[in-house]
């Protein structure tokens, strides 16, 4: 039986990279989906692919940092499919990159808004919907950057993504008795449009790959499979975790 048979899910940041891979995988595993990102044309193409393969998905294009988007996503899941069981809060940005003293306050706030505040805002509306269903699973995309390692130039990104781990752990503690699990994935280097900004040359890509124990960068599908596990009932006793999906980058010194 498909791992998400009968489940209703929201995936943010679904137009490319990890979010797109996860949306397609969740659909193949039986979930009905609401997907969102800023780029409407890419979302429409994703929905067409999913529905063409026998899945069921609808799109809501919008900026995840806009106050109106998080409640609209949950409302769309409830009105279109009857509820919400799974949320993959994946949308993110590298934001302004510079030494800490040179990052503008505007750049800092924008990075926080997209990476951290939007994740909180989404969860704020997802939790009541999941309570109506008797439980659910929230998965956040975080990273090893800021949690176990600091990379120069990434203060805003690292702070926001480290905050995701704290958010997931508090939600897990608060709502575990009511059947809701929350986990944050610590993602390593991944071959996505955002990842290619950091590793944009063959030399940079080789450097980033070598940081990992596996000596390579992940494919988005590999991260999507980890998200699927956390979203599914197979991870029924996993909550509040900083779930490492990072190819051994945190244990490698060679």
C-alpha atoms as a PDB file:
ATOM      1  CA  UNK A   1       0.000   0.000   0.000  1.00  0.00           C
ATOM      2  CA  UNK A   2       1.317   3.499  -0.768  1.00  0.00           C
ATOM      3  CA  UNK A   3       2.898   5.186   2.266  1.00  0.00           C
ATOM      4  CA  UNK A   4       0.614   8.241   2.199  1.00  0.00           C
ATOM      5  CA  UNK A   5      -2.604   6.618   1.010  1.00  0.00           C
ATOM      6  CA  UNK A   6      -5.582   8.770   2.028  1.00  0.00           C
ATOM      7  CA  UNK A   7      -3.423  11.611   3.351  1.00  0.00           C
ATOM      8  CA  UNK A   8      -3.746  15.301   2.516  1.00  0.00           C
ATOM      9  CA  UNK A   9      -0.522  17.291   2.339  1.00  0.00           C
ATOM     10  CA  UNK A  10       0.787  20.809   1.797  1.00  0.00           C
ATOM     11  CA  UNK A  11       4.236  21.333   0.253  1.00  0.00           C
ATOM     12  CA  UNK A  12       5.812  24.788   0.203  1.00  0.00           C
ATOM     13  CA  UNK A  13       8.653  25.807  -2.083  1.00  0.00           C
ATOM     14  CA  UNK A  14       7.355  23.229  -4.540  1.00  0.00           C
ATOM     15  CA  UNK A  15       8.334  24.781  -7.859  1.00  0.00           C
ATOM     16  CA  UNK A  16      11.880  23.371  -7.919  1.00  0.00           C
ATOM     17  CA  UNK A  17      14.520  21.444  -6.030  1.00  0.00           C
ATOM     18  CA  UNK A  18      13.620  19.486  -2.904  1.00  0.00           C
ATOM     19  CA  UNK A  19      10.044  20.748  -2.780  1.00  0.00           C
ATOM     20  CA  UNK A  20       9.283  19.688  -6.327  1.00  0.00           C
ATOM     21  CA  UNK A  21      10.840  16.269  -5.816  1.00  0.00           C
ATOM     22  CA  UNK A  22       8.891  15.795  -2.594  1.00  0.00           C
ATOM     23  CA  UNK A  23       5.587  16.849  -4.131  1.00  0.00           C
ATOM     24  CA  UNK A  24       5.944  14.321  -6.917  1.00  0.00           C
ATOM     25  CA  UNK A  25       6.992  11.584  -4.503  1.00  0.00           C
ATOM     26  CA  UNK A  26       4.196  12.313  -2.036  1.00  0.00           C
ATOM     27  CA  UNK A  27       1.689  12.155  -4.884  1.00  0.00           C
ATOM     28  CA  UNK A  28       3.067   8.825  -6.103  1.00  0.00           C
ATOM     29  CA  UNK A  29       2.677   7.568  -2.553  1.00  0.00           C
ATOM     30  CA  UNK A  30      -1.021   8.430  -2.490  1.00  0.00           C
ATOM     31  CA  UNK A  31      -1.252  11.922  -0.989  1.00  0.00           C
ATOM     32  CA  UNK A  32      -3.552  14.601  -2.319  1.00  0.00           C
ATOM     33  CA  UNK A  33      -1.570  17.820  -2.470  1.00  0.00           C
ATOM     34  CA  UNK A  34      -1.717  21.566  -2.199  1.00  0.00           C
ATOM     35  CA  UNK A  35       1.544  22.979  -3.561  1.00  0.00           C
ATOM     36  CA  UNK A  36       2.827  26.512  -3.402  1.00  0.00           C
ATOM     37  CA  UNK A  37       5.697  28.707  -4.580  1.00  0.00           C
ATOM     38  CA  UNK A  38       6.029  32.137  -6.124  1.00  0.00           C
ATOM     39  CA  UNK A  39       6.359  31.015  -9.747  1.00  0.00           C
ATOM     40  CA  UNK A  40       2.918  30.177 -11.094  1.00  0.00           C
ATOM     41  CA  UNK A  41       4.082  28.691 -14.391  1.00  0.00           C
ATOM     42  CA  UNK A  42       6.399  26.183 -12.691  1.00  0.00           C
ATOM     43  CA  UNK A  43       3.658  25.241 -10.225  1.00  0.00           C
ATOM     44  CA  UNK A  44       1.172  24.722 -13.049  1.00  0.00           C
ATOM     45  CA  UNK A  45       3.664  22.439 -14.803  1.00  0.00           C
ATOM     46  CA  UNK A  46       4.167  20.452 -11.595  1.00  0.00           C
ATOM     47  CA  UNK A  47       0.429  20.035 -11.056  1.00  0.00           C
ATOM     48  CA  UNK A  48      -0.015  18.938 -14.675  1.00  0.00           C
ATOM     49  CA  UNK A  49       2.709  16.306 -14.223  1.00  0.00           C
ATOM     50  CA  UNK A  50       1.216  14.981 -10.994  1.00  0.00           C
ATOM     51  CA  UNK A  51      -2.332  14.864 -12.315  1.00  0.00           C
ATOM     52  CA  UNK A  52      -1.126  13.365 -15.600  1.00  0.00           C
ATOM     53  CA  UNK A  53       0.464  10.521 -13.658  1.00  0.00           C
ATOM     54  CA  UNK A  54      -2.779   9.751 -11.833  1.00  0.00           C
ATOM     55  CA  UNK A  55      -2.162  11.862  -8.740  1.00  0.00           C
ATOM     56  CA  UNK A  56      -4.188  14.741  -7.393  1.00  0.00           C
ATOM     57  CA  UNK A  57      -2.731  18.186  -6.782  1.00  0.00           C
ATOM     58  CA  UNK A  58      -3.786  21.814  -6.838  1.00  0.00           C
ATOM     59  CA  UNK A  59      -1.587  24.916  -6.776  1.00  0.00           C
ATOM     60  CA  UNK A  60      -1.678  28.217  -4.964  1.00  0.00           C
ATOM     61  CA  UNK A  61       0.965  30.611  -6.269  1.00  0.00           C
ATOM     62  CA  UNK A  62       2.163  33.177  -3.758  1.00  0.00           C
ATOM     63  CA  UNK A  63       4.960  34.502  -1.615  1.00  0.00           C
ATOM     64  CA  UNK A  64       5.257  32.348   1.508  1.00  0.00           C
ATOM     65  CA  UNK A  65       6.357  35.445   3.458  1.00  0.00           C
ATOM     66  CA  UNK A  66       3.091  37.215   2.615  1.00  0.00           C
ATOM     67  CA  UNK A  67       0.781  37.099   5.641  1.00  0.00           C
ATOM     68  CA  UNK A  68      -2.092  35.930   3.436  1.00  0.00           C
ATOM     69  CA  UNK A  69      -0.378  32.840   2.011  1.00  0.00           C
ATOM     70  CA  UNK A  70      -0.053  30.504   5.043  1.00  0.00           C
ATOM     71  CA  UNK A  71      -3.731  30.609   6.058  1.00  0.00           C
ATOM     72  CA  UNK A  72      -4.811  30.344   2.422  1.00  0.00           C
ATOM     73  CA  UNK A  73      -2.835  27.119   1.981  1.00  0.00           C
ATOM     74  CA  UNK A  74      -4.470  25.411   4.927  1.00  0.00           C
ATOM     75  CA  UNK A  75      -7.888  26.715   3.933  1.00  0.00           C
ATOM     76  CA  UNK A  76      -7.424  25.388   0.408  1.00  0.00           C
ATOM     77  CA  UNK A  77      -6.474  21.951   1.705  1.00  0.00           C
ATOM     78  CA  UNK A  78      -9.556  21.863   3.913  1.00  0.00           C
ATOM     79  CA  UNK A  79     -12.047  23.159   1.365  1.00  0.00           C
ATOM     80  CA  UNK A  80     -10.684  21.134  -1.568  1.00  0.00           C
ATOM     81  CA  UNK A  81      -9.770  17.861   0.136  1.00  0.00           C
ATOM     82  CA  UNK A  82     -11.456  17.938   3.538  1.00  0.00           C
ATOM     83  CA  UNK A  83      -8.548  18.397   5.936  1.00  0.00           C
ATOM     84  CA  UNK A  84      -4.805  18.356   6.449  1.00  0.00           C
ATOM     85  CA  UNK A  85      -2.558  15.513   7.628  1.00  0.00           C
ATOM     86  CA  UNK A  86       0.940  16.443   6.449  1.00  0.00           C
ATOM     87  CA  UNK A  87       2.846  19.683   5.968  1.00  0.00           C
ATOM     88  CA  UNK A  88       6.261  19.885   4.365  1.00  0.00           C
ATOM     89  CA  UNK A  89       7.334  23.443   5.169  1.00  0.00           C
ATOM     90  CA  UNK A  90      10.258  23.575   2.799  1.00  0.00           C
ATOM     91  CA  UNK A  91      10.322  27.068   1.276  1.00  0.00           C
ATOM     92  CA  UNK A  92      13.552  28.952   1.857  1.00  0.00           C
ATOM     93  CA  UNK A  93      16.223  31.285   0.555  1.00  0.00           C
ATOM     94  CA  UNK A  94      19.928  31.880   1.093  1.00  0.00           C
ATOM     95  CA  UNK A  95      19.179  35.552   1.531  1.00  0.00           C
ATOM     96  CA  UNK A  96      21.775  38.277   1.714  1.00  0.00           C
ATOM     97  CA  UNK A  97      25.268  36.807   2.026  1.00  0.00           C
ATOM     98  CA  UNK A  98      28.094  38.850   3.560  1.00  0.00           C
ATOM     99  CA  UNK A  99      30.154  39.020   6.754  1.00  0.00           C
ATOM    100  CA  UNK A 100      27.807  39.527   9.701  1.00  0.00           C
ATOM    101  CA  UNK A 101      28.678  43.202  10.202  1.00  0.00           C
ATOM    102  CA  UNK A 102      27.919  43.916   6.546  1.00  0.00           C
ATOM    103  CA  UNK A 103      24.491  42.266   6.238  1.00  0.00           C
ATOM    104  CA  UNK A 104      21.798  44.912   6.021  1.00  0.00           C
ATOM    105  CA  UNK A 105      18.919  44.856   8.475  1.00  0.00           C
ATOM    106  CA  UNK A 106      16.565  44.660   5.515  1.00  0.00           C
ATOM    107  CA  UNK A 107      18.417  41.617   4.180  1.00  0.00           C
ATOM    108  CA  UNK A 108      18.432  39.995   7.614  1.00  0.00           C
ATOM    109  CA  UNK A 109      14.693  40.533   8.064  1.00  0.00           C
ATOM    110  CA  UNK A 110      13.878  39.229   4.595  1.00  0.00           C
ATOM    111  CA  UNK A 111      15.900  36.059   5.209  1.00  0.00           C
ATOM    112  CA  UNK A 112      14.185  35.537   8.562  1.00  0.00           C
ATOM    113  CA  UNK A 113      10.754  36.200   7.075  1.00  0.00           C
ATOM    114  CA  UNK A 114      11.142  33.637   4.296  1.00  0.00           C
ATOM    115  CA  UNK A 115      13.010  30.916   6.172  1.00  0.00           C
ATOM    116  CA  UNK A 116      11.748  31.094   9.747  1.00  0.00           C
ATOM    117  CA  UNK A 117       8.753  33.366  10.218  1.00  0.00           C
ATOM    118  CA  UNK A 118       6.908  31.828   7.266  1.00  0.00           C
ATOM    119  CA  UNK A 119       7.522  28.338   8.671  1.00  0.00           C
ATOM    120  CA  UNK A 120       6.021  29.431  11.980  1.00  0.00           C
ATOM    121  CA  UNK A 121       3.111  31.143  10.218  1.00  0.00           C
ATOM    122  CA  UNK A 122       2.349  28.026   8.187  1.00  0.00           C
ATOM    123  CA  UNK A 123       2.490  25.790  11.265  1.00  0.00           C
ATOM    124  CA  UNK A 124       0.262  28.202  13.170  1.00  0.00           C
ATOM    125  CA  UNK A 125      -2.579  27.433  10.756  1.00  0.00           C
ATOM    126  CA  UNK A 126      -1.649  23.808  10.063  1.00  0.00           C
ATOM    127  CA  UNK A 127      -1.794  22.742  13.700  1.00  0.00           C
ATOM    128  CA  UNK A 128      -5.510  23.436  14.293  1.00  0.00           C
ATOM    129  CA  UNK A 129      -6.365  21.691  11.015  1.00  0.00           C
ATOM    130  CA  UNK A 130      -4.348  18.631  12.052  1.00  0.00           C
ATOM    131  CA  UNK A 131      -5.975  18.602  15.477  1.00  0.00           C
ATOM    132  CA  UNK A 132      -9.332  18.283  13.733  1.00  0.00           C
ATOM    133  CA  UNK A 133      -8.000  15.122  12.057  1.00  0.00           C
ATOM    134  CA  UNK A 134      -6.682  13.676  15.325  1.00  0.00           C
ATOM    135  CA  UNK A 135      -3.008  14.205  14.504  1.00  0.00           C
ATOM    136  CA  UNK A 136      -0.533  14.808  11.724  1.00  0.00           C
ATOM    137  CA  UNK A 137       3.085  15.336  10.741  1.00  0.00           C
ATOM    138  CA  UNK A 138       4.947  18.583  10.134  1.00  0.00           C
ATOM    139  CA  UNK A 139       8.330  18.392   8.423  1.00  0.00           C
ATOM    140  CA  UNK A 140      10.592  21.422   8.159  1.00  0.00           C
ATOM    141  CA  UNK A 141      13.623  21.844   5.921  1.00  0.00           C
ATOM    142  CA  UNK A 142      16.601  23.000   7.954  1.00  0.00           C
ATOM    143  CA  UNK A 143      20.320  22.426   7.392  1.00  0.00           C
ATOM    144  CA  UNK A 144      23.541  21.575   9.156  1.00  0.00           C
ATOM    145  CA  UNK A 145      24.613  25.185   8.538  1.00  0.00           C
ATOM    146  CA  UNK A 146      24.107  27.026  11.806  1.00  0.00           C
ATOM    147  CA  UNK A 147      23.182  23.888  13.726  1.00  0.00           C
ATOM    148  CA  UNK A 148      26.587  22.236  13.882  1.00  0.00           C
ATOM    149  CA  UNK A 149      28.793  24.336  11.580  1.00  0.00           C
ATOM    150  CA  UNK A 150      29.112  27.994  10.689  1.00  0.00           C
ATOM    151  CA  UNK A 151      29.934  29.044   7.136  1.00  0.00           C
ATOM    152  CA  UNK A 152      31.337  32.540   6.590  1.00  0.00           C
ATOM    153  CA  UNK A 153      28.900  34.900   4.906  1.00  0.00           C
ATOM    154  CA  UNK A 154      25.781  32.973   5.938  1.00  0.00           C
ATOM    155  CA  UNK A 155      24.839  34.523   9.291  1.00  0.00           C
ATOM    156  CA  UNK A 156      21.216  35.297   8.416  1.00  0.00           C
ATOM    157  CA  UNK A 157      20.600  31.956   6.712  1.00  0.00           C
ATOM    158  CA  UNK A 158      22.285  30.000   9.504  1.00  0.00           C
ATOM    159  CA  UNK A 159      20.365  31.794  12.242  1.00  0.00           C
ATOM    160  CA  UNK A 160      17.031  31.279  10.509  1.00  0.00           C
ATOM    161  CA  UNK A 161      17.625  27.605   9.803  1.00  0.00           C
ATOM    162  CA  UNK A 162      18.877  26.946  13.342  1.00  0.00           C
ATOM    163  CA  UNK A 163      15.670  28.578  14.551  1.00  0.00           C
ATOM    164  CA  UNK A 164      13.690  26.011  12.553  1.00  0.00           C
ATOM    165  CA  UNK A 165      15.103  23.246  14.756  1.00  0.00           C
ATOM    166  CA  UNK A 166      13.984  25.028  17.904  1.00  0.00           C
ATOM    167  CA  UNK A 167      10.536  25.634  16.422  1.00  0.00           C
ATOM    168  CA  UNK A 168      10.111  21.961  15.500  1.00  0.00           C
ATOM    169  CA  UNK A 169      11.145  20.805  18.963  1.00  0.00           C
ATOM    170  CA  UNK A 170       8.710  23.092  20.767  1.00  0.00           C
ATOM    171  CA  UNK A 171       5.831  22.064  18.486  1.00  0.00           C
ATOM    172  CA  UNK A 172       6.734  18.404  19.093  1.00  0.00           C
ATOM    173  CA  UNK A 173       6.636  18.928  22.853  1.00  0.00           C
ATOM    174  CA  UNK A 174       3.437  20.950  22.835  1.00  0.00           C
ATOM    175  CA  UNK A 175       1.378  18.851  20.438  1.00  0.00           C
ATOM    176  CA  UNK A 176       2.799  15.333  20.807  1.00  0.00           C
ATOM    177  CA  UNK A 177       0.072  14.335  23.288  1.00  0.00           C
ATOM    178  CA  UNK A 178      -2.490  15.245  20.634  1.00  0.00           C
ATOM    179  CA  UNK A 179      -0.928  13.086  17.949  1.00  0.00           C
ATOM    180  CA  UNK A 180       1.065  15.685  16.009  1.00  0.00           C
ATOM    181  CA  UNK A 181       4.722  15.058  15.204  1.00  0.00           C
ATOM    182  CA  UNK A 182       7.196  17.738  14.115  1.00  0.00           C
ATOM    183  CA  UNK A 183      10.709  17.204  12.789  1.00  0.00           C
ATOM    184  CA  UNK A 184      13.396  19.302  11.117  1.00  0.00           C
ATOM    185  CA  UNK A 185      15.614  17.797   8.434  1.00  0.00           C
ATOM    186  CA  UNK A 186      19.268  18.832   8.575  1.00  0.00           C
ATOM    187  CA  UNK A 187      19.966  18.800   4.858  1.00  0.00           C
ATOM    188  CA  UNK A 188      23.467  18.658   3.379  1.00  0.00           C
ATOM    189  CA  UNK A 189      24.677  19.958   0.043  1.00  0.00           C
ATOM    190  CA  UNK A 190      22.011  19.263  -2.578  1.00  0.00           C
ATOM    191  CA  UNK A 191      21.872  19.781  -6.333  1.00  0.00           C
ATOM    192  CA  UNK A 192      19.170  22.452  -6.411  1.00  0.00           C
ATOM    193  CA  UNK A 193      19.003  25.945  -7.907  1.00  0.00           C
ATOM    194  CA  UNK A 194      19.707  27.392  -4.464  1.00  0.00           C
ATOM    195  CA  UNK A 195      22.528  24.934  -3.843  1.00  0.00           C
ATOM    196  CA  UNK A 196      24.145  25.922  -7.119  1.00  0.00           C
ATOM    197  CA  UNK A 197      24.449  29.497  -5.887  1.00  0.00           C
ATOM    198  CA  UNK A 198      26.851  28.269  -3.211  1.00  0.00           C
ATOM    199  CA  UNK A 199      28.512  25.698  -5.484  1.00  0.00           C
ATOM    200  CA  UNK A 200      28.275  27.528  -8.775  1.00  0.00           C
ATOM    201  CA  UNK A 201      31.592  26.512 -10.322  1.00  0.00           C
ATOM    202  CA  UNK A 202      33.209  23.096 -10.804  1.00  0.00           C
ATOM    203  CA  UNK A 203      35.800  24.044  -8.196  1.00  0.00           C
ATOM    204  CA  UNK A 204      33.198  25.141  -5.647  1.00  0.00           C
ATOM    205  CA  UNK A 205      31.080  22.055  -6.315  1.00  0.00           C
ATOM    206  CA  UNK A 206      34.107  19.822  -5.779  1.00  0.00           C
ATOM    207  CA  UNK A 207      34.929  21.630  -2.537  1.00  0.00           C
ATOM    208  CA  UNK A 208      31.368  21.252  -1.201  1.00  0.00           C
ATOM    209  CA  UNK A 209      31.172  17.597  -2.260  1.00  0.00           C
ATOM    210  CA  UNK A 210      34.429  16.850  -0.483  1.00  0.00           C
ATOM    211  CA  UNK A 211      33.052  18.190   2.789  1.00  0.00           C
ATOM    212  CA  UNK A 212      30.707  15.208   2.935  1.00  0.00           C
ATOM    213  CA  UNK A 213      31.652  11.708   4.025  1.00  0.00           C
ATOM    214  CA  UNK A 214      30.044  10.413   0.831  1.00  0.00           C
ATOM    215  CA  UNK A 215      32.172  12.832  -1.217  1.00  0.00           C
ATOM    216  CA  UNK A 216      29.249  13.941  -3.310  1.00  0.00           C
ATOM    217  CA  UNK A 217      26.248  16.268  -3.307  1.00  0.00           C
ATOM    218  CA  UNK A 218      22.741  14.882  -2.807  1.00  0.00           C
ATOM    219  CA  UNK A 219      20.096  14.559  -5.483  1.00  0.00           C
ATOM    220  CA  UNK A 220      16.813  16.265  -4.469  1.00  0.00           C
ATOM    221  CA  UNK A 221      15.043  12.889  -4.671  1.00  0.00           C
ATOM    222  CA  UNK A 222      17.245  11.593  -1.842  1.00  0.00           C
ATOM    223  CA  UNK A 223      16.130  14.415   0.434  1.00  0.00           C
ATOM    224  CA  UNK A 224      12.524  13.930  -0.677  1.00  0.00           C
ATOM    225  CA  UNK A 225      12.641  10.287   0.429  1.00  0.00           C
ATOM    226  CA  UNK A 226      13.726  11.359   3.905  1.00  0.00           C
ATOM    227  CA  UNK A 227      10.839  13.842   4.016  1.00  0.00           C
ATOM    228  CA  UNK A 228       8.487  11.058   2.946  1.00  0.00           C
ATOM    229  CA  UNK A 229       9.650   8.866   5.812  1.00  0.00           C
ATOM    230  CA  UNK A 230       9.143  11.633   8.379  1.00  0.00           C
ATOM    231  CA  UNK A 231       5.744  12.503   6.931  1.00  0.00           C
ATOM    232  CA  UNK A 232       4.541   8.909   6.941  1.00  0.00           C
ATOM    233  CA  UNK A 233       3.277   6.645   9.708  1.00  0.00           C
ATOM    234  CA  UNK A 234       6.517   4.682   9.393  1.00  0.00           C
ATOM    235  CA  UNK A 235       8.073   7.490  11.463  1.00  0.00           C
ATOM    236  CA  UNK A 236       5.305   7.246  14.037  1.00  0.00           C
ATOM    237  CA  UNK A 237       7.735   7.396  17.006  1.00  0.00           C
ATOM    238  CA  UNK A 238       9.998  10.077  15.519  1.00  0.00           C
ATOM    239  CA  UNK A 239       9.343  13.619  16.712  1.00  0.00           C
ATOM    240  CA  UNK A 240      11.311  16.651  17.817  1.00  0.00           C
ATOM    241  CA  UNK A 241      14.335  15.460  15.885  1.00  0.00           C
ATOM    242  CA  UNK A 242      17.038  17.310  14.021  1.00  0.00           C
ATOM    243  CA  UNK A 243      17.009  14.547  11.423  1.00  0.00           C
ATOM    244  CA  UNK A 244      20.337  14.346   9.603  1.00  0.00           C
ATOM    245  CA  UNK A 245      20.128  13.935   5.835  1.00  0.00           C
ATOM    246  CA  UNK A 246      23.530  15.435   5.160  1.00  0.00           C
ATOM    247  CA  UNK A 247      25.802  12.765   3.729  1.00  0.00           C
ATOM    248  CA  UNK A 248      28.083  12.775   6.743  1.00  0.00           C
ATOM    249  CA  UNK A 249      29.152  16.396   6.420  1.00  0.00           C
ATOM    250  CA  UNK A 250      29.046  16.884  10.196  1.00  0.00           C
ATOM    251  CA  UNK A 251      31.366  13.948  10.987  1.00  0.00           C
ATOM    252  CA  UNK A 252      33.934  14.363   8.228  1.00  0.00           C
ATOM    253  CA  UNK A 253      37.371  15.902   8.655  1.00  0.00           C
ATOM    254  CA  UNK A 254      39.057  14.499   5.525  1.00  0.00           C
END
